[in-house]
Protein backbone atom coordinates (compact mmCIF):
# COMPACT_ATOMS: atom_id res chain seq x y z
CA UNK A 1 -0.01 -0.14 -0.20
CA UNK A 2 2.82 2.41 0.82
CA UNK A 3 4.26 2.03 -2.70
CA UNK A 4 0.97 2.40 -4.36
CA UNK A 5 0.52 5.72 -2.70
CA UNK A 6 3.71 7.11 -3.39
CA UNK A 7 3.24 5.86 -7.07
CA UNK A 8 -0.12 7.34 -7.28
CA UNK A 9 1.34 10.50 -6.04
CA UNK A 10 4.11 10.77 -8.72
CA UNK A 11 1.83 9.58 -11.58
CA UNK A 12 -0.96 12.07 -10.72
CA UNK A 13 1.63 14.93 -10.34
CA UNK A 14 3.00 14.18 -13.74
CA UNK A 15 -0.44 14.04 -15.06
CA UNK A 16 -1.22 17.46 -13.57
CA UNK A 17 2.21 18.77 -14.84
CA UNK A 18 1.64 17.56 -18.58
CA UNK A 19 -2.03 18.96 -18.46
CA UNK A 20 -0.96 22.42 -17.22
CA UNK A 21 2.00 22.64 -19.64
CA UNK A 22 0.35 21.34 -22.85
CA UNK A 23 -0.11 24.55 -24.90
CA UNK A 24 -4.10 25.23 -24.98
CA UNK A 25 -4.56 24.68 -28.70
CA UNK A 26 -3.26 21.11 -28.19
CA UNK A 27 -5.67 20.33 -25.20
CA UNK A 28 -8.86 18.16 -25.91
CA UNK A 29 -12.27 20.16 -25.26
CA UNK A 30 -13.29 18.31 -22.07
CA UNK A 31 -16.70 20.14 -22.05
CA UNK A 32 -16.04 21.62 -18.69
CA UNK A 33 -15.69 25.34 -19.08
CA UNK A 34 -14.96 26.10 -15.43
CA UNK A 35 -11.14 26.18 -15.30
CA UNK A 36 -11.28 27.22 -11.42
CA UNK A 37 -13.16 23.97 -10.86
CA UNK A 38 -10.58 21.87 -12.80
CA UNK A 39 -7.83 23.33 -10.93
CA UNK A 40 -9.61 22.93 -7.45
CA UNK A 41 -10.48 19.25 -8.07
CA UNK A 42 -7.02 18.46 -9.48
CA UNK A 43 -5.25 20.10 -6.62
CA UNK A 44 -7.77 18.43 -3.91
CA UNK A 45 -6.43 14.84 -5.38
CA UNK A 46 -2.82 15.94 -5.18
CA UNK A 47 -3.22 17.36 -1.72
CA UNK A 48 -4.90 14.09 -0.56
CA UNK A 49 -2.25 12.02 -2.36
CA UNK A 50 0.67 14.17 -0.72
CA UNK A 51 -0.61 14.07 2.66
CA UNK A 52 -1.13 10.26 2.33
CA UNK A 53 2.47 9.97 0.95
CA UNK A 54 3.89 12.01 3.70
CA UNK A 55 1.99 10.08 6.26
CA UNK A 56 4.01 6.81 5.00
CA UNK A 57 7.25 8.59 5.62
CA UNK A 58 6.91 9.44 9.21
CA UNK A 59 4.28 9.35 12.04
CA UNK A 60 1.05 11.14 11.13
CA UNK A 61 0.15 14.47 12.72
CA UNK A 62 -1.88 17.27 11.58
CA UNK A 63 1.65 18.99 10.70
CA UNK A 64 1.60 16.83 7.61
CA UNK A 65 -1.47 18.25 6.63
CA UNK A 66 -0.13 21.69 6.72
CA UNK A 67 3.21 20.57 5.12
CA UNK A 68 1.21 19.01 2.31
CA UNK A 69 -0.86 22.18 1.77
CA UNK A 70 2.38 24.30 1.76
CA UNK A 71 3.89 22.15 -0.68
CA UNK A 72 0.93 22.03 -3.07
CA UNK A 73 0.68 26.01 -2.59
CA UNK A 74 4.42 26.47 -3.40
CA UNK A 75 4.10 23.91 -6.51
CA UNK A 76 0.87 25.76 -7.64
CA UNK A 77 3.04 28.98 -7.86
CA UNK A 78 5.69 27.40 -9.75
CA UNK A 79 3.24 25.84 -12.04
CA UNK A 80 1.49 28.83 -13.09
CA UNK A 81 4.56 30.86 -13.60
CA UNK A 82 6.34 28.13 -15.87
CA UNK A 83 3.07 27.79 -17.72
CA UNK A 84 4.30 31.19 -19.15
CA UNK A 85 7.10 29.07 -20.97
CA UNK A 86 4.36 27.18 -22.96
CA UNK A 87 2.44 30.32 -24.05
CA UNK A 88 -0.25 29.89 -21.22
CA UNK A 89 -1.21 32.52 -18.86
CA UNK A 90 -0.40 32.66 -15.09
CA UNK A 91 -3.67 33.50 -13.27
CA UNK A 92 -3.54 34.11 -9.37
CA UNK A 93 -7.16 33.13 -9.49
CA UNK A 94 -5.95 29.66 -10.73
CA UNK A 95 -3.39 29.57 -7.88
CA UNK A 96 -6.22 30.26 -5.28
CA UNK A 97 -8.05 27.40 -6.73
CA UNK A 98 -5.29 25.33 -6.26
CA UNK A 99 -4.60 26.12 -2.75
CA UNK A 100 -8.39 25.66 -1.85
CA UNK A 101 -8.45 22.21 -3.58
CA UNK A 102 -5.06 21.18 -1.82
CA UNK A 103 -6.54 22.48 1.54
CA UNK A 104 -9.79 20.31 0.91
CA UNK A 105 -7.96 17.14 -0.24
CA UNK A 106 -5.27 17.46 2.38
CA UNK A 107 -7.68 17.99 5.44
CA UNK A 108 -9.92 15.21 4.05
CA UNK A 109 -6.90 12.81 4.05
CA UNK A 110 -5.82 14.00 7.46
CA UNK A 111 -9.39 13.36 8.94
CA UNK A 112 -9.01 9.67 7.44
CA UNK A 113 -5.44 9.40 9.08
CA UNK A 114 -6.95 10.84 12.17
CA UNK A 115 -9.71 8.08 12.12
CA UNK A 116 -7.22 5.39 11.61
CA UNK A 117 -5.04 6.53 14.39
CA UNK A 118 -7.87 6.64 16.78
CA UNK A 119 -8.92 3.13 15.65
CA UNK A 120 -5.31 1.85 16.07
CA UNK A 121 -5.19 3.24 19.63
CA UNK A 122 -8.32 1.08 20.49
CA UNK A 123 -6.35 -2.10 19.54
CA UNK A 124 -7.58 -2.44 15.92
CA UNK A 125 -5.32 -3.14 13.07
CA UNK A 126 -4.46 0.06 11.06
CA UNK A 127 -5.09 -0.27 7.33
CA UNK A 128 -2.06 2.18 6.68
CA UNK A 129 0.72 3.97 8.18
CA UNK A 130 -1.64 6.84 9.21
CA UNK A 131 -1.10 6.01 12.99
CA UNK A 132 0.73 7.76 15.98
CA UNK A 133 0.34 11.14 16.71
CA UNK A 134 -3.26 12.81 16.78
CA UNK A 135 -2.44 15.93 18.62
CA UNK A 136 -2.49 19.03 16.65
CA UNK A 137 1.33 19.54 17.13
């Protein structure tokens, strides 16, 4: 499961990079006209995967959630700025959607980890490495 989470993160992150760095004229029309919704959803998945992958590296805590949000937010800035290199625009509103999405996904994954950690404390077998510290430190 650990390698699956990590591989999923890498593959999804590469897909996001590819999608955001393909010139607009080469992108298929998806029928979804709300660019901000696409950013929000993509970064929600990225945030959840990033939080889950971080939880495989060290004992879980809410700091992992904050770290995942910070990493996703920093990548969102880099992503927007490097889109200029392929003839796309850097839109601050896209970055805001990225951060909101990453926050939603990271918090959802964090809540899942908190539940797993609570079950682990009650003597049940954990389904992942989302165990350990449930405090807000």
